[in-house]
Protein backbone atom coordinates (compact mmCIF):
# COMPACT_ATOMS: atom_id res chain seq x y z
CA UNK A 1 -34.77 -50.44 231.31
CA UNK A 2 -36.23 -47.29 232.84
CA UNK A 3 -38.25 -44.84 230.81
CA UNK A 4 -35.48 -42.26 231.16
CA UNK A 5 -32.89 -44.74 229.91
CA UNK A 6 -35.13 -45.75 226.98
CA UNK A 7 -35.63 -42.13 226.03
CA UNK A 8 -31.90 -41.51 226.21
CA UNK A 9 -31.20 -44.56 224.08
CA UNK A 10 -33.85 -43.50 221.56
CA UNK A 11 -32.44 -40.00 221.38
CA UNK A 12 -28.95 -41.41 220.86
CA UNK A 13 -30.15 -43.70 218.09
CA UNK A 14 -31.98 -40.80 216.46
CA UNK A 15 -28.89 -38.64 216.72
CA UNK A 16 -26.75 -41.33 215.15
CA UNK A 17 -29.29 -41.75 212.38
CA UNK A 18 -29.36 -38.04 211.67
CA UNK A 19 -25.57 -37.97 211.73
CA UNK A 20 -25.38 -40.77 209.16
CA UNK A 21 -27.93 -39.06 206.97
CA UNK A 22 -26.02 -35.82 207.20
CA UNK A 23 -22.78 -37.62 206.33
CA UNK A 24 -24.48 -39.10 203.28
CA UNK A 25 -25.54 -35.63 202.19
CA UNK A 26 -22.10 -34.09 202.67
CA UNK A 27 -20.47 -33.24 199.33
CA UNK A 28 -17.69 -35.47 198.05
CA UNK A 29 -14.42 -33.53 198.38
CA UNK A 30 -12.28 -33.90 195.26
CA UNK A 31 -8.99 -32.13 194.59
CA UNK A 32 -7.82 -31.48 191.03
CA UNK A 33 -4.03 -31.26 191.13
CA UNK A 34 -2.81 -29.54 187.96
CA UNK A 35 0.91 -29.46 187.18
CA UNK A 36 0.58 -25.75 186.35
CA UNK A 37 -2.04 -23.23 185.33
CA UNK A 38 -0.06 -20.56 183.47
CA UNK A 39 -1.02 -21.74 179.98
CA UNK A 40 -4.42 -22.07 178.32
CA UNK A 41 -4.63 -25.85 178.02
CA UNK A 42 -4.54 -26.60 181.75
CA UNK A 43 -6.80 -23.60 182.36
CA UNK A 44 -9.36 -25.24 180.03
CA UNK A 45 -8.85 -28.57 181.83
CA UNK A 46 -9.47 -27.12 185.28
CA UNK A 47 -12.38 -24.94 184.09
CA UNK A 48 -14.05 -28.05 182.67
CA UNK A 49 -13.80 -29.71 186.07
CA UNK A 50 -15.63 -26.80 187.67
CA UNK A 51 -18.45 -27.25 185.14
CA UNK A 52 -18.94 -30.97 185.83
CA UNK A 53 -22.65 -31.61 186.54
CA UNK A 54 -21.81 -33.18 189.91
CA UNK A 55 -19.89 -30.04 190.90
CA UNK A 56 -22.61 -27.69 189.72
CA UNK A 57 -25.28 -29.71 191.54
CA UNK A 58 -23.34 -29.62 194.81
CA UNK A 59 -22.73 -33.38 194.94
CA UNK A 60 -19.00 -32.65 194.64
CA UNK A 61 -16.97 -29.94 196.33
CA UNK A 62 -14.07 -29.36 193.93
CA UNK A 63 -10.79 -27.64 194.77
CA UNK A 64 -8.24 -26.78 192.06
CA UNK A 65 -4.55 -26.90 193.00
CA UNK A 66 -1.89 -25.12 190.90
CA UNK A 67 1.29 -27.20 191.03
CA UNK A 68 3.32 -24.31 189.60
CA UNK A 69 5.29 -26.74 187.40
CA UNK A 70 7.05 -28.17 190.45
CA UNK A 71 6.78 -31.81 191.59
CA UNK A 72 7.64 -30.87 195.17
CA UNK A 73 4.83 -28.31 195.26
CA UNK A 74 2.45 -31.00 194.07
CA UNK A 75 3.61 -33.36 196.81
CA UNK A 76 3.00 -30.65 199.41
CA UNK A 77 -0.49 -30.17 197.98
CA UNK A 78 -1.17 -33.90 198.31
CA UNK A 79 -0.16 -33.73 201.95
CA UNK A 80 -2.59 -30.83 202.41
CA UNK A 81 -5.41 -32.82 200.82
CA UNK A 82 -4.64 -35.81 203.03
CA UNK A 83 -4.65 -33.64 206.17
CA UNK A 84 -7.92 -31.99 205.14
CA UNK A 85 -9.63 -35.32 204.50
CA UNK A 86 -10.30 -35.13 200.77
CA UNK A 87 -12.25 -38.09 199.40
CA UNK A 88 -10.48 -38.40 196.02
CA UNK A 89 -7.80 -36.72 193.93
CA UNK A 90 -7.55 -36.12 190.17
CA UNK A 91 -3.86 -35.83 189.35
CA UNK A 92 -2.07 -34.28 186.36
CA UNK A 93 1.57 -34.76 187.45
CA UNK A 94 4.55 -32.60 186.60
CA UNK A 95 7.00 -35.50 186.69
CA UNK A 96 6.38 -39.11 185.71
CA UNK A 97 8.67 -40.47 188.43
CA UNK A 98 8.43 -37.92 191.27
CA UNK A 99 4.63 -37.94 191.09
CA UNK A 100 4.60 -41.58 192.21
CA UNK A 101 5.55 -40.54 195.76
CA UNK A 102 2.49 -38.29 195.99
CA UNK A 103 0.24 -41.09 194.75
CA UNK A 104 1.69 -43.47 197.34
CA UNK A 105 1.01 -40.97 200.16
CA UNK A 106 -2.63 -40.57 199.13
CA UNK A 107 -3.30 -44.28 198.64
CA UNK A 108 -1.70 -45.06 202.00
CA UNK A 109 -4.18 -42.59 203.50
CA UNK A 110 -7.08 -44.37 201.81
CA UNK A 111 -7.66 -41.70 199.15
CA UNK A 112 -8.17 -42.92 195.55
CA UNK A 113 -6.15 -41.11 192.88
CA UNK A 114 -7.23 -40.83 189.24
CA UNK A 115 -4.55 -39.83 186.75
CA UNK A 116 -5.51 -37.29 184.10
CA UNK A 117 -3.75 -35.74 181.08
CA UNK A 118 -0.19 -36.61 182.19
CA UNK A 119 1.05 -39.99 183.33
CA UNK A 120 2.78 -41.08 186.50
CA UNK A 121 4.85 -44.22 186.97
CA UNK A 122 2.58 -45.86 189.55
CA UNK A 123 0.32 -48.89 189.49
CA UNK A 124 -1.66 -47.49 192.45
CA UNK A 125 -3.88 -45.22 190.36
CA UNK A 126 -7.58 -46.07 190.36
CA UNK A 127 -7.52 -45.31 186.62
CA UNK A 128 -6.00 -43.01 184.03
CA UNK A 129 -8.11 -40.71 181.82
CA UNK A 130 -6.04 -39.04 179.12
CA UNK A 131 -4.87 -39.39 175.54
CA UNK A 132 -2.15 -41.36 173.77
CA UNK A 133 0.78 -38.93 173.58
CA UNK A 134 2.86 -41.25 171.40
CA UNK A 135 0.14 -40.96 168.76
CA UNK A 136 0.08 -37.17 169.08
CA UNK A 137 3.85 -36.94 168.72
CA UNK A 138 3.71 -39.07 165.60
CA UNK A 139 0.85 -37.12 164.03
CA UNK A 140 2.41 -33.70 164.58
CA UNK A 141 5.85 -34.75 163.34
CA UNK A 142 4.34 -36.45 160.30
CA UNK A 143 2.43 -33.26 159.45
CA UNK A 144 5.72 -31.33 159.47
CA UNK A 145 7.65 -33.98 157.54
CA UNK A 146 4.92 -34.39 154.91
CA UNK A 147 5.03 -30.64 154.20
CA UNK A 148 8.82 -30.87 153.92
CA UNK A 149 8.60 -33.82 151.55
CA UNK A 150 10.89 -35.74 153.93
CA UNK A 151 13.77 -33.45 152.95
CA UNK A 152 15.71 -30.80 154.87
CA UNK A 153 16.31 -30.11 158.55
CA UNK A 154 14.08 -29.68 161.59
CA UNK A 155 14.27 -28.41 165.14
CA UNK A 156 12.34 -29.98 168.01
CA UNK A 157 11.06 -27.95 170.96
CA UNK A 158 10.44 -30.40 173.78
CA UNK A 159 8.23 -30.34 176.84
CA UNK A 160 9.60 -30.35 180.40
CA UNK A 161 12.17 -33.12 180.69
CA UNK A 162 10.74 -35.99 182.70
CA UNK A 163 7.06 -35.26 182.12
CA UNK A 164 5.14 -38.00 180.35
CA UNK A 165 4.05 -35.70 177.52
CA UNK A 166 7.67 -34.90 176.67
CA UNK A 167 8.70 -38.56 176.87
CA UNK A 168 5.83 -40.02 174.87
CA UNK A 169 5.45 -37.26 172.29
CA UNK A 170 9.21 -37.52 171.79
CA UNK A 171 8.76 -41.23 171.12
CA UNK A 172 6.11 -40.42 168.54
CA UNK A 173 8.35 -37.75 166.98
CA UNK A 174 11.12 -40.32 166.60
CA UNK A 175 8.75 -42.82 165.02
CA UNK A 176 7.80 -40.31 162.31
CA UNK A 177 11.40 -39.16 161.80
CA UNK A 178 12.47 -42.79 161.27
CA UNK A 179 10.24 -42.79 158.19
CA UNK A 180 12.28 -39.86 156.78
CA UNK A 181 15.93 -40.90 157.25
CA UNK A 182 17.22 -38.00 155.13
CA UNK A 183 15.84 -35.37 157.49
CA UNK A 184 18.42 -33.90 159.87
CA UNK A 185 17.65 -32.72 163.42
CA UNK A 186 19.56 -29.46 163.84
CA UNK A 187 18.52 -28.71 167.43
CA UNK A 188 16.35 -30.15 170.17
CA UNK A 189 15.84 -28.58 173.58
CA UNK A 190 13.12 -28.12 176.18
CA UNK A 191 10.85 -25.11 176.03
CA UNK A 192 9.00 -26.24 179.19
CA UNK A 193 5.58 -25.89 177.50
CA UNK A 194 6.26 -22.10 177.45
CA UNK A 195 5.62 -19.82 174.49
CA UNK A 196 8.20 -17.30 175.73
CA UNK A 197 10.92 -19.92 176.27
CA UNK A 198 10.26 -21.43 172.85
CA UNK A 199 10.46 -18.02 171.21
CA UNK A 200 13.86 -17.41 172.80
CA UNK A 201 15.10 -20.83 171.66
CA UNK A 202 13.89 -20.27 168.12
CA UNK A 203 15.47 -16.83 167.96
CA UNK A 204 18.84 -18.38 168.85
CA UNK A 205 18.40 -21.21 166.38
CA UNK A 206 17.47 -18.85 163.55
CA UNK A 207 20.61 -16.86 164.28
CA UNK A 208 22.70 -20.04 164.19
CA UNK A 209 21.06 -21.85 161.28
CA UNK A 210 18.93 -19.31 159.38
CA UNK A 211 17.19 -20.70 156.33
CA UNK A 212 18.57 -24.19 156.94
CA UNK A 213 15.64 -24.77 159.30
CA UNK A 214 12.72 -26.07 157.28
CA UNK A 215 10.52 -27.57 159.99
CA UNK A 216 9.59 -26.96 163.61
CA UNK A 217 8.16 -29.75 165.75
CA UNK A 218 6.74 -28.17 168.89
CA UNK A 219 5.60 -30.74 171.42
CA UNK A 220 2.76 -28.42 172.38
CA UNK A 221 0.98 -25.52 170.68
CA UNK A 222 2.34 -22.85 173.02
CA UNK A 223 5.90 -23.67 171.93
CA UNK A 224 4.97 -23.87 168.24
CA UNK A 225 3.37 -20.44 168.59
CA UNK A 226 6.55 -19.13 170.24
CA UNK A 227 8.51 -20.35 167.22
CA UNK A 228 6.13 -18.50 164.91
CA UNK A 229 6.68 -15.29 166.90
CA UNK A 230 10.46 -15.71 166.56
CA UNK A 231 10.18 -16.23 162.80
CA UNK A 232 8.08 -13.10 162.44
CA UNK A 233 10.45 -11.08 164.65
CA UNK A 234 13.36 -12.15 162.44
CA UNK A 235 11.55 -10.74 159.41
CA UNK A 236 11.18 -14.18 157.86
CA UNK A 237 8.10 -15.67 156.18
CA UNK A 238 6.21 -18.19 158.34
CA UNK A 239 5.00 -19.84 155.13
CA UNK A 240 8.59 -20.97 154.45
CA UNK A 241 8.47 -23.26 157.51
CA UNK A 242 6.50 -26.41 158.28
CA UNK A 243 5.31 -26.03 161.89
CA UNK A 244 3.13 -28.19 164.13
CA UNK A 245 2.08 -28.43 167.76
CA UNK A 246 -0.31 -30.32 170.02
CA UNK A 247 -3.33 -29.30 172.13
CA UNK A 248 -5.61 -27.16 169.97
CA UNK A 249 -5.40 -24.03 172.14
CA UNK A 250 -7.28 -21.01 170.82
CA UNK A 251 -4.30 -19.15 169.34
CA UNK A 252 -3.20 -22.33 167.60
CA UNK A 253 -6.65 -22.81 166.10
CA UNK A 254 -6.42 -19.29 164.71
CA UNK A 255 -2.92 -20.01 163.40
CA UNK A 256 -4.20 -23.16 161.67
CA UNK A 257 -6.97 -21.09 160.12
CA UNK A 258 -4.35 -18.62 158.90
CA UNK A 259 -2.31 -21.45 157.35
CA UNK A 260 0.66 -20.93 159.68
CA UNK A 261 0.80 -24.31 161.46
CA UNK A 262 -0.79 -27.68 162.10
CA UNK A 263 -2.25 -28.74 165.43
CA UNK A 264 -3.66 -31.88 167.00
CA UNK A 265 -6.53 -31.08 169.37
CA UNK A 266 -6.34 -32.70 172.81
CA UNK A 267 -9.74 -32.73 174.50
CA UNK A 268 -8.76 -31.58 177.96
CA UNK A 269 -12.40 -30.98 178.83
CA UNK A 270 -13.25 -34.65 178.25
CA UNK A 271 -10.16 -35.73 180.21
CA UNK A 272 -11.21 -33.60 183.20
CA UNK A 273 -14.88 -34.59 183.13
CA UNK A 274 -14.10 -38.27 182.71
CA UNK A 275 -11.56 -38.19 185.53
CA UNK A 276 -14.10 -36.70 187.91
CA UNK A 277 -16.68 -39.33 186.93
CA UNK A 278 -14.15 -42.08 187.73
CA UNK A 279 -13.14 -40.37 190.99
CA UNK A 280 -16.76 -40.13 192.16
CA UNK A 281 -17.29 -43.80 191.27
CA UNK A 282 -14.31 -44.73 193.46
CA UNK A 283 -15.99 -43.01 196.42
CA UNK A 284 -19.64 -43.80 195.64
CA UNK A 285 -19.88 -47.27 194.06
CA UNK A 286 -23.49 -46.84 192.85
CA UNK A 287 -22.64 -43.65 190.93
CA UNK A 288 -23.58 -43.39 187.26
CA UNK A 289 -21.61 -40.87 185.15
CA UNK A 290 -23.17 -37.44 184.83
CA UNK A 291 -20.93 -35.96 182.10
CA UNK A 292 -21.83 -36.32 178.43
CA UNK A 293 -18.41 -37.42 177.22
CA UNK A 294 -19.28 -41.12 177.24
CA UNK A 295 -21.90 -40.45 174.55
CA UNK A 296 -19.56 -38.04 172.75
CA UNK A 297 -16.86 -40.73 172.47
CA UNK A 298 -18.62 -44.09 171.94
CA UNK A 299 -15.24 -45.75 171.27
CA UNK A 300 -14.37 -44.99 174.91
CA UNK A 301 -17.09 -46.89 176.82
CA UNK A 302 -17.72 -46.24 180.52
CA UNK A 303 -17.74 -49.93 181.43
CA UNK A 304 -19.15 -49.14 184.87
CA UNK A 305 -16.07 -47.08 185.70
CA UNK A 306 -14.03 -50.25 186.10
CA UNK A 307 -11.39 -49.79 183.39
CA UNK A 308 -7.83 -48.91 184.37
CA UNK A 309 -7.36 -46.67 181.34
CA UNK A 310 -9.63 -44.39 179.30
CA UNK A 311 -8.08 -42.93 176.14
CA UNK A 312 -9.74 -39.79 174.82
CA UNK A 313 -9.25 -39.64 171.01
CA UNK A 314 -7.20 -36.92 169.29
CA UNK A 315 -8.74 -34.61 166.68
CA UNK A 316 -6.45 -33.26 163.95
CA UNK A 317 -7.36 -29.62 163.33
CA UNK A 318 -8.24 -28.98 159.69
CA UNK A 319 -9.58 -26.18 157.52
CA UNK A 320 -12.90 -28.04 157.59
CA UNK A 321 -13.33 -28.26 161.38
CA UNK A 322 -11.39 -25.26 162.71
CA UNK A 323 -14.34 -22.84 162.72
CA UNK A 324 -16.51 -25.29 164.66
CA UNK A 325 -13.70 -25.80 167.17
CA UNK A 326 -13.21 -22.06 167.56
CA UNK A 327 -16.93 -21.66 168.19
CA UNK A 328 -16.60 -23.80 171.32
CA UNK A 329 -14.21 -21.20 172.81
CA UNK A 330 -16.70 -18.33 172.66
């Protein structure tokens, strides 16, 4: 080999080496696909992702996608992430069935998908990091029914039809209602996780049923808060109703403190942080988790990121813990 050829070969090898080193130093591109960002809970979820230590250190380049409560929008966003060469996706789907198509597209392109907060009917997920919505539905309905003494009539404001939260919290609602066979369900309809939609529903139901309504089971806090607004607007006393929701959003915490409702706190921050840890592990096998949630929830061990499901525990909001929970929102 001539000197010139050896130098060229050496330069090529050096260039390849530098290229590999640079590739190793490139940030991991992760997309967080939220079903919608209009309400506080998913805003807290996405904000937590942006504060993950791996994101703040530059190891991860995180992009938040607002699905605008539309499964087709989410699928389009998946196609964008595939085209742009994302390394992993954290997915909170709008629809338990339609979301499976998006997961299939990503996995076919070699991109791992970690489910978070809401479930999708797919066995292709790397893992799921969320909470048991059946348990939440049971706990919130039981809180309402206990205050009613298992007597009277309730209305149920449901989440978006076809989303896992609506399906599973509804299952939990039914489990609690089965323990109170004398309680009548006067109305049940979707409020689409929206405070405004729930307020409109409750206004109509109060017109139709008036004081016959004794309890309100809102499958999230936003809808329970909408019901409270309707009760106030009708000139009725909120204290005459047993009301509960799920999520522990800030206004709900204040309503619990005021004695107006019950709430079950869903730790969206832990769900987001844990999902990103699992997503990084899927891309970088030697990764060790950087978020503190694994110490915060010792009953949810990391297990080297190999588990298919991580269930973040629920926290019932009480008079004893509400101030501490509110302090975390400052």
